[in-house]
């Protein structure tokens, strides 16, 4: 199971049902530097097969990892790809000592609450459209330019034309580039299957985000998009395709 991002939900009694069945997995990976906000890198790989990591990664050479010392079984060098490595586990142990089970749970619950709030804010703003109805701390959405949000012409991924998809595909990269130029918001975008590029708001459980932060991010994205993609008034058509400079590409 790739639980690098989602595995932290197991720390929450309220939300751990999202990982129901994981106890049957053969192996699992978890990155505490993702949802839990620890410094990179802090990853764990768990497997049911005792000795497998030694078989895969053990060098078995005479000048390394001698077996005649009492602590030989605790030497991680025989089980990992890196022969020499930082003590990444210390970061997780120290944070766990400081925050405890209840503290970790509170952070995960806070991240889930913020994600639900962001979903609600996106759903009520006609300039946005949810891509997926998420169940975790990811919020995927499009910013819709004016010509893709009105009435029957509102973008529908189930029925959208190739032209509409291509036009929307260019929107998120343009907005993100402008946000970076302004130095206001850092947010990623991606396509998914037939879905054109969309924004992906990720809410880790670092304990420093608030609803006000979510509102700020959405407001800046919407205002930047409105400015970049304002429909020109001189075009008699409902200009559905725009160039990268935002000017109408129809024959008028």
C-alpha atoms as a PDB file:
ATOM      1  CA  UNK A   1       0.000   0.000   0.000  1.00  0.00           C
ATOM      2  CA  UNK A   2       1.319   3.435  -0.961  1.00  0.00           C
ATOM      3  CA  UNK A   3       0.304   5.316   2.195  1.00  0.00           C
ATOM      4  CA  UNK A   4       3.049   7.925   1.865  1.00  0.00           C
ATOM      5  CA  UNK A   5       0.483  10.731   2.054  1.00  0.00           C
ATOM      6  CA  UNK A   6      -2.636   9.010   3.373  1.00  0.00           C
ATOM      7  CA  UNK A   7      -1.190   6.763   6.060  1.00  0.00           C
ATOM      8  CA  UNK A   8      -1.312   9.508   8.695  1.00  0.00           C
ATOM      9  CA  UNK A   9      -5.086   9.164   8.801  1.00  0.00           C
ATOM     10  CA  UNK A  10      -4.543   6.055  10.933  1.00  0.00           C
ATOM     11  CA  UNK A  11      -3.532   8.400  13.768  1.00  0.00           C
ATOM     12  CA  UNK A  12      -7.098   9.767  13.917  1.00  0.00           C
ATOM     13  CA  UNK A  13      -9.839   7.751  15.585  1.00  0.00           C
ATOM     14  CA  UNK A  14     -12.412   9.826  13.700  1.00  0.00           C
ATOM     15  CA  UNK A  15     -10.992   9.248  10.226  1.00  0.00           C
ATOM     16  CA  UNK A  16      -8.969   6.025  10.323  1.00  0.00           C
ATOM     17  CA  UNK A  17     -11.865   4.135   8.723  1.00  0.00           C
ATOM     18  CA  UNK A  18     -10.600   5.566   5.425  1.00  0.00           C
ATOM     19  CA  UNK A  19      -7.759   3.036   5.652  1.00  0.00           C
ATOM     20  CA  UNK A  20     -10.008   0.076   6.503  1.00  0.00           C
ATOM     21  CA  UNK A  21      -8.495  -3.150   5.224  1.00  0.00           C
ATOM     22  CA  UNK A  22      -4.900  -1.957   5.311  1.00  0.00           C
ATOM     23  CA  UNK A  23      -4.204  -4.585   7.971  1.00  0.00           C
ATOM     24  CA  UNK A  24      -4.352  -7.167   5.177  1.00  0.00           C
ATOM     25  CA  UNK A  25      -1.630  -5.478   3.133  1.00  0.00           C
ATOM     26  CA  UNK A  26       1.627  -7.257   2.418  1.00  0.00           C
ATOM     27  CA  UNK A  27       3.633  -4.049   2.863  1.00  0.00           C
ATOM     28  CA  UNK A  28       3.136  -0.335   3.448  1.00  0.00           C
ATOM     29  CA  UNK A  29       5.093   2.866   3.008  1.00  0.00           C
ATOM     30  CA  UNK A  30       4.521   6.065   5.015  1.00  0.00           C
ATOM     31  CA  UNK A  31       6.169   9.478   4.703  1.00  0.00           C
ATOM     32  CA  UNK A  32       5.971  11.417   7.950  1.00  0.00           C
ATOM     33  CA  UNK A  33       7.499  14.411   6.135  1.00  0.00           C
ATOM     34  CA  UNK A  34       4.293  14.787   4.110  1.00  0.00           C
ATOM     35  CA  UNK A  35       1.076  14.958   6.118  1.00  0.00           C
ATOM     36  CA  UNK A  36       2.836  15.258   9.459  1.00  0.00           C
ATOM     37  CA  UNK A  37       5.090  18.134   8.377  1.00  0.00           C
ATOM     38  CA  UNK A  38       8.416  16.720   9.571  1.00  0.00           C
ATOM     39  CA  UNK A  39      11.617  17.834   7.818  1.00  0.00           C
ATOM     40  CA  UNK A  40      12.478  15.892   4.671  1.00  0.00           C
ATOM     41  CA  UNK A  41      13.277  13.050   4.660  1.00  0.00           C
ATOM     42  CA  UNK A  42      11.370  10.894   7.154  1.00  0.00           C
ATOM     43  CA  UNK A  43       9.981   7.750   5.546  1.00  0.00           C
ATOM     44  CA  UNK A  44       9.118   4.268   6.764  1.00  0.00           C
ATOM     45  CA  UNK A  45       8.619   1.013   4.874  1.00  0.00           C
ATOM     46  CA  UNK A  46       6.877  -1.820   6.688  1.00  0.00           C
ATOM     47  CA  UNK A  47       6.697  -5.425   5.514  1.00  0.00           C
ATOM     48  CA  UNK A  48       5.335  -8.627   6.996  1.00  0.00           C
ATOM     49  CA  UNK A  49       8.311 -10.640   5.768  1.00  0.00           C
ATOM     50  CA  UNK A  50      11.039 -10.765   8.373  1.00  0.00           C
ATOM     51  CA  UNK A  51      14.474 -10.721   6.795  1.00  0.00           C
ATOM     52  CA  UNK A  52      13.296  -9.586   3.351  1.00  0.00           C
ATOM     53  CA  UNK A  53      14.998  -6.190   3.541  1.00  0.00           C
ATOM     54  CA  UNK A  54      18.265  -7.868   4.524  1.00  0.00           C
ATOM     55  CA  UNK A  55      17.965 -10.238   1.566  1.00  0.00           C
ATOM     56  CA  UNK A  56      17.277  -7.378  -0.843  1.00  0.00           C
ATOM     57  CA  UNK A  57      19.802  -4.834   0.405  1.00  0.00           C
ATOM     58  CA  UNK A  58      22.382  -6.668   2.508  1.00  0.00           C
ATOM     59  CA  UNK A  59      25.872  -6.462   1.037  1.00  0.00           C
ATOM     60  CA  UNK A  60      27.272  -9.412   2.975  1.00  0.00           C
ATOM     61  CA  UNK A  61      30.863  -8.263   2.690  1.00  0.00           C
ATOM     62  CA  UNK A  62      33.532  -8.956   5.273  1.00  0.00           C
ATOM     63  CA  UNK A  63      34.548  -5.338   5.917  1.00  0.00           C
ATOM     64  CA  UNK A  64      31.008  -4.130   6.769  1.00  0.00           C
ATOM     65  CA  UNK A  65      28.367  -4.985   9.363  1.00  0.00           C
ATOM     66  CA  UNK A  66      30.282  -7.632  11.293  1.00  0.00           C
ATOM     67  CA  UNK A  67      28.025 -10.048  13.142  1.00  0.00           C
ATOM     68  CA  UNK A  68      30.217 -10.494  16.214  1.00  0.00           C
ATOM     69  CA  UNK A  69      28.791  -7.443  18.037  1.00  0.00           C
ATOM     70  CA  UNK A  70      25.711  -7.578  20.302  1.00  0.00           C
ATOM     71  CA  UNK A  71      23.882  -4.830  18.410  1.00  0.00           C
ATOM     72  CA  UNK A  72      24.274  -6.388  14.965  1.00  0.00           C
ATOM     73  CA  UNK A  73      20.530  -7.063  14.603  1.00  0.00           C
ATOM     74  CA  UNK A  74      19.780  -3.354  15.119  1.00  0.00           C
ATOM     75  CA  UNK A  75      22.085  -2.128  12.352  1.00  0.00           C
ATOM     76  CA  UNK A  76      19.826  -0.599   9.679  1.00  0.00           C
ATOM     77  CA  UNK A  77      22.670  -0.483   7.213  1.00  0.00           C
ATOM     78  CA  UNK A  78      22.033  -4.110   6.302  1.00  0.00           C
ATOM     79  CA  UNK A  79      18.372  -3.435   5.448  1.00  0.00           C
ATOM     80  CA  UNK A  80      18.393  -0.224   3.452  1.00  0.00           C
ATOM     81  CA  UNK A  81      19.658   0.886   0.059  1.00  0.00           C
ATOM     82  CA  UNK A  82      21.930   3.485   1.653  1.00  0.00           C
ATOM     83  CA  UNK A  83      24.905   2.002   3.439  1.00  0.00           C
ATOM     84  CA  UNK A  84      25.412   5.253   5.341  1.00  0.00           C
ATOM     85  CA  UNK A  85      22.401   7.367   6.214  1.00  0.00           C
ATOM     86  CA  UNK A  86      21.077   9.999   8.575  1.00  0.00           C
ATOM     87  CA  UNK A  87      19.147   8.944  11.632  1.00  0.00           C
ATOM     88  CA  UNK A  88      15.806   9.963  10.108  1.00  0.00           C
ATOM     89  CA  UNK A  89      13.819   8.012  12.682  1.00  0.00           C
ATOM     90  CA  UNK A  90      15.096  10.348  15.401  1.00  0.00           C
ATOM     91  CA  UNK A  91      13.051  13.228  13.975  1.00  0.00           C
ATOM     92  CA  UNK A  92       9.838  11.209  14.196  1.00  0.00           C
ATOM     93  CA  UNK A  93      10.656   9.912  17.676  1.00  0.00           C
ATOM     94  CA  UNK A  94      11.413  13.385  19.032  1.00  0.00           C
ATOM     95  CA  UNK A  95       8.234  14.876  17.577  1.00  0.00           C
ATOM     96  CA  UNK A  96       6.185  12.014  18.944  1.00  0.00           C
ATOM     97  CA  UNK A  97       7.665  12.569  22.377  1.00  0.00           C
ATOM     98  CA  UNK A  98       6.787  16.281  22.199  1.00  0.00           C
ATOM     99  CA  UNK A  99       3.313  16.003  20.659  1.00  0.00           C
ATOM    100  CA  UNK A 100       2.108  12.550  21.668  1.00  0.00           C
ATOM    101  CA  UNK A 101      -0.712  10.449  20.220  1.00  0.00           C
ATOM    102  CA  UNK A 102      -3.357  13.039  21.067  1.00  0.00           C
ATOM    103  CA  UNK A 103      -1.355  15.835  19.469  1.00  0.00           C
ATOM    104  CA  UNK A 104      -0.873  13.934  16.210  1.00  0.00           C
ATOM    105  CA  UNK A 105      -4.558  13.047  16.151  1.00  0.00           C
ATOM    106  CA  UNK A 106      -5.541  16.687  16.637  1.00  0.00           C
ATOM    107  CA  UNK A 107      -3.351  17.761  13.728  1.00  0.00           C
ATOM    108  CA  UNK A 108      -4.837  15.179  11.373  1.00  0.00           C
ATOM    109  CA  UNK A 109      -8.377  16.111  12.444  1.00  0.00           C
ATOM    110  CA  UNK A 110      -7.581  19.798  11.870  1.00  0.00           C
ATOM    111  CA  UNK A 111      -6.294  19.063   8.361  1.00  0.00           C
ATOM    112  CA  UNK A 112      -9.460  17.124   7.541  1.00  0.00           C
ATOM    113  CA  UNK A 113     -11.642  19.934   8.909  1.00  0.00           C
ATOM    114  CA  UNK A 114      -9.821  22.496   6.776  1.00  0.00           C
ATOM    115  CA  UNK A 115     -10.186  20.298   3.687  1.00  0.00           C
ATOM    116  CA  UNK A 116     -13.930  20.004   4.255  1.00  0.00           C
ATOM    117  CA  UNK A 117     -14.137  23.771   4.688  1.00  0.00           C
ATOM    118  CA  UNK A 118     -12.184  24.326   1.462  1.00  0.00           C
ATOM    119  CA  UNK A 119     -14.545  21.963  -0.388  1.00  0.00           C
ATOM    120  CA  UNK A 120     -17.516  23.990   0.820  1.00  0.00           C
ATOM    121  CA  UNK A 121     -15.921  27.296  -0.176  1.00  0.00           C
ATOM    122  CA  UNK A 122     -15.046  26.024  -3.648  1.00  0.00           C
ATOM    123  CA  UNK A 123     -18.508  24.559  -4.177  1.00  0.00           C
ATOM    124  CA  UNK A 124     -20.299  27.827  -3.363  1.00  0.00           C
ATOM    125  CA  UNK A 125     -18.172  30.054  -5.621  1.00  0.00           C
ATOM    126  CA  UNK A 126     -19.351  29.938  -9.284  1.00  0.00           C
ATOM    127  CA  UNK A 127     -15.832  30.777 -10.448  1.00  0.00           C
ATOM    128  CA  UNK A 128     -14.663  27.374  -9.217  1.00  0.00           C
ATOM    129  CA  UNK A 129     -15.674  23.813  -9.931  1.00  0.00           C
ATOM    130  CA  UNK A 130     -14.689  20.726  -7.982  1.00  0.00           C
ATOM    131  CA  UNK A 131     -12.917  18.049  -9.971  1.00  0.00           C
ATOM    132  CA  UNK A 132     -13.333  15.260  -7.431  1.00  0.00           C
ATOM    133  CA  UNK A 133     -15.380  14.921  -4.284  1.00  0.00           C
ATOM    134  CA  UNK A 134     -12.435  14.271  -2.030  1.00  0.00           C
ATOM    135  CA  UNK A 135     -12.455  12.260   1.182  1.00  0.00           C
ATOM    136  CA  UNK A 136      -9.017  13.240   2.426  1.00  0.00           C
ATOM    137  CA  UNK A 137      -6.992  16.444   2.827  1.00  0.00           C
ATOM    138  CA  UNK A 138      -6.748  17.190  -0.915  1.00  0.00           C
ATOM    139  CA  UNK A 139      -9.042  19.663  -2.680  1.00  0.00           C
ATOM    140  CA  UNK A 140      -8.977  19.475  -6.494  1.00  0.00           C
ATOM    141  CA  UNK A 141     -10.719  22.229  -8.438  1.00  0.00           C
ATOM    142  CA  UNK A 142     -10.779  24.289 -11.613  1.00  0.00           C
ATOM    143  CA  UNK A 143     -10.912  28.041 -11.890  1.00  0.00           C
ATOM    144  CA  UNK A 144     -13.422  28.633 -14.716  1.00  0.00           C
ATOM    145  CA  UNK A 145     -12.907  31.674 -16.943  1.00  0.00           C
ATOM    146  CA  UNK A 146     -16.073  33.694 -17.677  1.00  0.00           C
ATOM    147  CA  UNK A 147     -16.785  31.960 -20.975  1.00  0.00           C
ATOM    148  CA  UNK A 148     -16.767  28.518 -19.297  1.00  0.00           C
ATOM    149  CA  UNK A 149     -18.960  29.258 -16.302  1.00  0.00           C
ATOM    150  CA  UNK A 150     -22.200  30.769 -17.638  1.00  0.00           C
ATOM    151  CA  UNK A 151     -25.461  28.822 -17.871  1.00  0.00           C
ATOM    152  CA  UNK A 152     -25.534  25.957 -20.372  1.00  0.00           C
ATOM    153  CA  UNK A 153     -21.971  26.758 -21.445  1.00  0.00           C
ATOM    154  CA  UNK A 154     -20.600  26.013 -17.988  1.00  0.00           C
ATOM    155  CA  UNK A 155     -17.783  23.499 -18.236  1.00  0.00           C
ATOM    156  CA  UNK A 156     -18.960  19.921 -17.705  1.00  0.00           C
ATOM    157  CA  UNK A 157     -16.166  17.324 -17.832  1.00  0.00           C
ATOM    158  CA  UNK A 158     -18.652  14.700 -18.998  1.00  0.00           C
ATOM    159  CA  UNK A 159     -19.746  16.628 -22.100  1.00  0.00           C
ATOM    160  CA  UNK A 160     -17.071  19.267 -22.729  1.00  0.00           C
ATOM    161  CA  UNK A 161     -15.688  19.655 -26.243  1.00  0.00           C
ATOM    162  CA  UNK A 162     -12.034  19.188 -27.089  1.00  0.00           C
ATOM    163  CA  UNK A 163     -11.743  22.954 -27.602  1.00  0.00           C
ATOM    164  CA  UNK A 164     -13.156  23.692 -24.149  1.00  0.00           C
ATOM    165  CA  UNK A 165     -10.821  21.151 -22.551  1.00  0.00           C
ATOM    166  CA  UNK A 166      -7.805  22.625 -24.327  1.00  0.00           C
ATOM    167  CA  UNK A 167      -8.774  26.150 -23.312  1.00  0.00           C
ATOM    168  CA  UNK A 168      -9.231  25.156 -19.660  1.00  0.00           C
ATOM    169  CA  UNK A 169      -5.977  23.173 -19.764  1.00  0.00           C
ATOM    170  CA  UNK A 170      -4.092  26.466 -20.140  1.00  0.00           C
ATOM    171  CA  UNK A 171      -5.819  28.297 -17.294  1.00  0.00           C
ATOM    172  CA  UNK A 172      -4.208  26.846 -14.164  1.00  0.00           C
ATOM    173  CA  UNK A 173      -0.615  27.151 -15.486  1.00  0.00           C
ATOM    174  CA  UNK A 174      -1.178  30.810 -16.387  1.00  0.00           C
ATOM    175  CA  UNK A 175      -2.657  31.649 -13.000  1.00  0.00           C
ATOM    176  CA  UNK A 176       0.081  29.752 -11.154  1.00  0.00           C
ATOM    177  CA  UNK A 177       2.777  31.581 -13.129  1.00  0.00           C
ATOM    178  CA  UNK A 178       1.232  34.936 -12.212  1.00  0.00           C
ATOM    179  CA  UNK A 179       0.923  33.958  -8.542  1.00  0.00           C
ATOM    180  CA  UNK A 180       4.599  33.038  -8.468  1.00  0.00           C
ATOM    181  CA  UNK A 181       5.518  36.306 -10.170  1.00  0.00           C
ATOM    182  CA  UNK A 182       3.537  38.199  -7.526  1.00  0.00           C
ATOM    183  CA  UNK A 183       4.996  36.104  -4.706  1.00  0.00           C
ATOM    184  CA  UNK A 184       1.551  35.613  -3.181  1.00  0.00           C
ATOM    185  CA  UNK A 185       0.582  31.928  -3.275  1.00  0.00           C
ATOM    186  CA  UNK A 186       2.406  28.686  -4.054  1.00  0.00           C
ATOM    187  CA  UNK A 187      -0.005  26.023  -5.311  1.00  0.00           C
ATOM    188  CA  UNK A 188       0.412  23.118  -7.689  1.00  0.00           C
ATOM    189  CA  UNK A 189      -1.704  21.933 -10.606  1.00  0.00           C
ATOM    190  CA  UNK A 190      -1.988  18.725 -12.588  1.00  0.00           C
ATOM    191  CA  UNK A 191      -4.080  16.940 -15.219  1.00  0.00           C
ATOM    192  CA  UNK A 192      -5.761  13.592 -14.505  1.00  0.00           C
ATOM    193  CA  UNK A 193      -6.859  11.291 -17.291  1.00  0.00           C
ATOM    194  CA  UNK A 194      -9.214  13.291 -19.512  1.00  0.00           C
ATOM    195  CA  UNK A 195      -9.418  16.124 -16.988  1.00  0.00           C
ATOM    196  CA  UNK A 196      -7.505  19.263 -18.044  1.00  0.00           C
ATOM    197  CA  UNK A 197      -5.113  20.937 -15.605  1.00  0.00           C
ATOM    198  CA  UNK A 198      -6.681  21.735 -12.244  1.00  0.00           C
ATOM    199  CA  UNK A 199      -5.467  23.183  -8.962  1.00  0.00           C
ATOM    200  CA  UNK A 200      -4.621  20.776  -6.159  1.00  0.00           C
ATOM    201  CA  UNK A 201      -4.839  22.345  -2.720  1.00  0.00           C
ATOM    202  CA  UNK A 202      -3.093  20.079  -0.217  1.00  0.00           C
ATOM    203  CA  UNK A 203      -3.622  20.644   3.500  1.00  0.00           C
ATOM    204  CA  UNK A 204      -0.975  18.977   5.681  1.00  0.00           C
ATOM    205  CA  UNK A 205      -1.370  18.608   9.417  1.00  0.00           C
ATOM    206  CA  UNK A 206       1.416  20.979  10.373  1.00  0.00           C
ATOM    207  CA  UNK A 207      -0.940  22.830  12.726  1.00  0.00           C
ATOM    208  CA  UNK A 208      -0.302  26.274  11.262  1.00  0.00           C
ATOM    209  CA  UNK A 209      -3.078  26.585   8.652  1.00  0.00           C
ATOM    210  CA  UNK A 210      -6.440  28.215   9.327  1.00  0.00           C
ATOM    211  CA  UNK A 211      -9.727  28.868   7.552  1.00  0.00           C
ATOM    212  CA  UNK A 212      -8.514  32.403   6.933  1.00  0.00           C
ATOM    213  CA  UNK A 213      -5.532  30.959   5.049  1.00  0.00           C
ATOM    214  CA  UNK A 214      -7.860  28.851   2.893  1.00  0.00           C
ATOM    215  CA  UNK A 215     -10.017  31.900   2.157  1.00  0.00           C
ATOM    216  CA  UNK A 216      -6.925  33.900   1.208  1.00  0.00           C
ATOM    217  CA  UNK A 217      -5.652  31.262  -1.236  1.00  0.00           C
ATOM    218  CA  UNK A 218      -9.024  30.907  -2.961  1.00  0.00           C
ATOM    219  CA  UNK A 219      -9.569  34.658  -3.130  1.00  0.00           C
ATOM    220  CA  UNK A 220      -6.151  35.311  -4.654  1.00  0.00           C
ATOM    221  CA  UNK A 221      -6.642  32.567  -7.253  1.00  0.00           C
ATOM    222  CA  UNK A 222     -10.093  33.854  -8.204  1.00  0.00           C
ATOM    223  CA  UNK A 223      -9.050  37.505  -8.384  1.00  0.00           C
ATOM    224  CA  UNK A 224      -5.959  36.680 -10.426  1.00  0.00           C
ATOM    225  CA  UNK A 225      -8.000  34.553 -12.808  1.00  0.00           C
ATOM    226  CA  UNK A 226     -10.634  37.271 -13.190  1.00  0.00           C
ATOM    227  CA  UNK A 227      -7.928  39.741 -14.112  1.00  0.00           C
ATOM    228  CA  UNK A 228      -6.103  37.458 -16.538  1.00  0.00           C
ATOM    229  CA  UNK A 229      -9.170  36.088 -18.301  1.00  0.00           C
ATOM    230  CA  UNK A 230     -11.558  39.032 -18.347  1.00  0.00           C
ATOM    231  CA  UNK A 231     -13.658  38.635 -21.539  1.00  0.00           C
ATOM    232  CA  UNK A 232     -13.052  41.392 -24.110  1.00  0.00           C
ATOM    233  CA  UNK A 233     -16.114  43.560 -24.723  1.00  0.00           C
ATOM    234  CA  UNK A 234     -15.466  44.179 -28.429  1.00  0.00           C
ATOM    235  CA  UNK A 235     -16.064  40.586 -29.540  1.00  0.00           C
ATOM    236  CA  UNK A 236     -19.643  39.803 -30.653  1.00  0.00           C
ATOM    237  CA  UNK A 237     -19.056  36.112 -30.087  1.00  0.00           C
ATOM    238  CA  UNK A 238     -19.078  34.483 -26.648  1.00  0.00           C
ATOM    239  CA  UNK A 239     -15.325  34.033 -27.117  1.00  0.00           C
ATOM    240  CA  UNK A 240     -14.748  30.501 -25.938  1.00  0.00           C
ATOM    241  CA  UNK A 241     -11.118  30.143 -26.992  1.00  0.00           C
ATOM    242  CA  UNK A 242      -8.395  32.525 -25.899  1.00  0.00           C
ATOM    243  CA  UNK A 243      -4.720  32.762 -26.650  1.00  0.00           C
ATOM    244  CA  UNK A 244      -2.127  32.637 -23.898  1.00  0.00           C
ATOM    245  CA  UNK A 245      -2.192  36.443 -23.790  1.00  0.00           C
ATOM    246  CA  UNK A 246      -5.917  36.380 -22.997  1.00  0.00           C
ATOM    247  CA  UNK A 247      -7.042  37.886 -26.347  1.00  0.00           C
ATOM    248  CA  UNK A 248      -9.883  36.409 -28.333  1.00  0.00           C
ATOM    249  CA  UNK A 249      -8.929  33.983 -31.112  1.00  0.00           C
ATOM    250  CA  UNK A 250     -12.267  33.955 -32.939  1.00  0.00           C
ATOM    251  CA  UNK A 251     -12.610  35.447 -36.447  1.00  0.00           C
ATOM    252  CA  UNK A 252     -14.011  38.705 -35.051  1.00  0.00           C
END
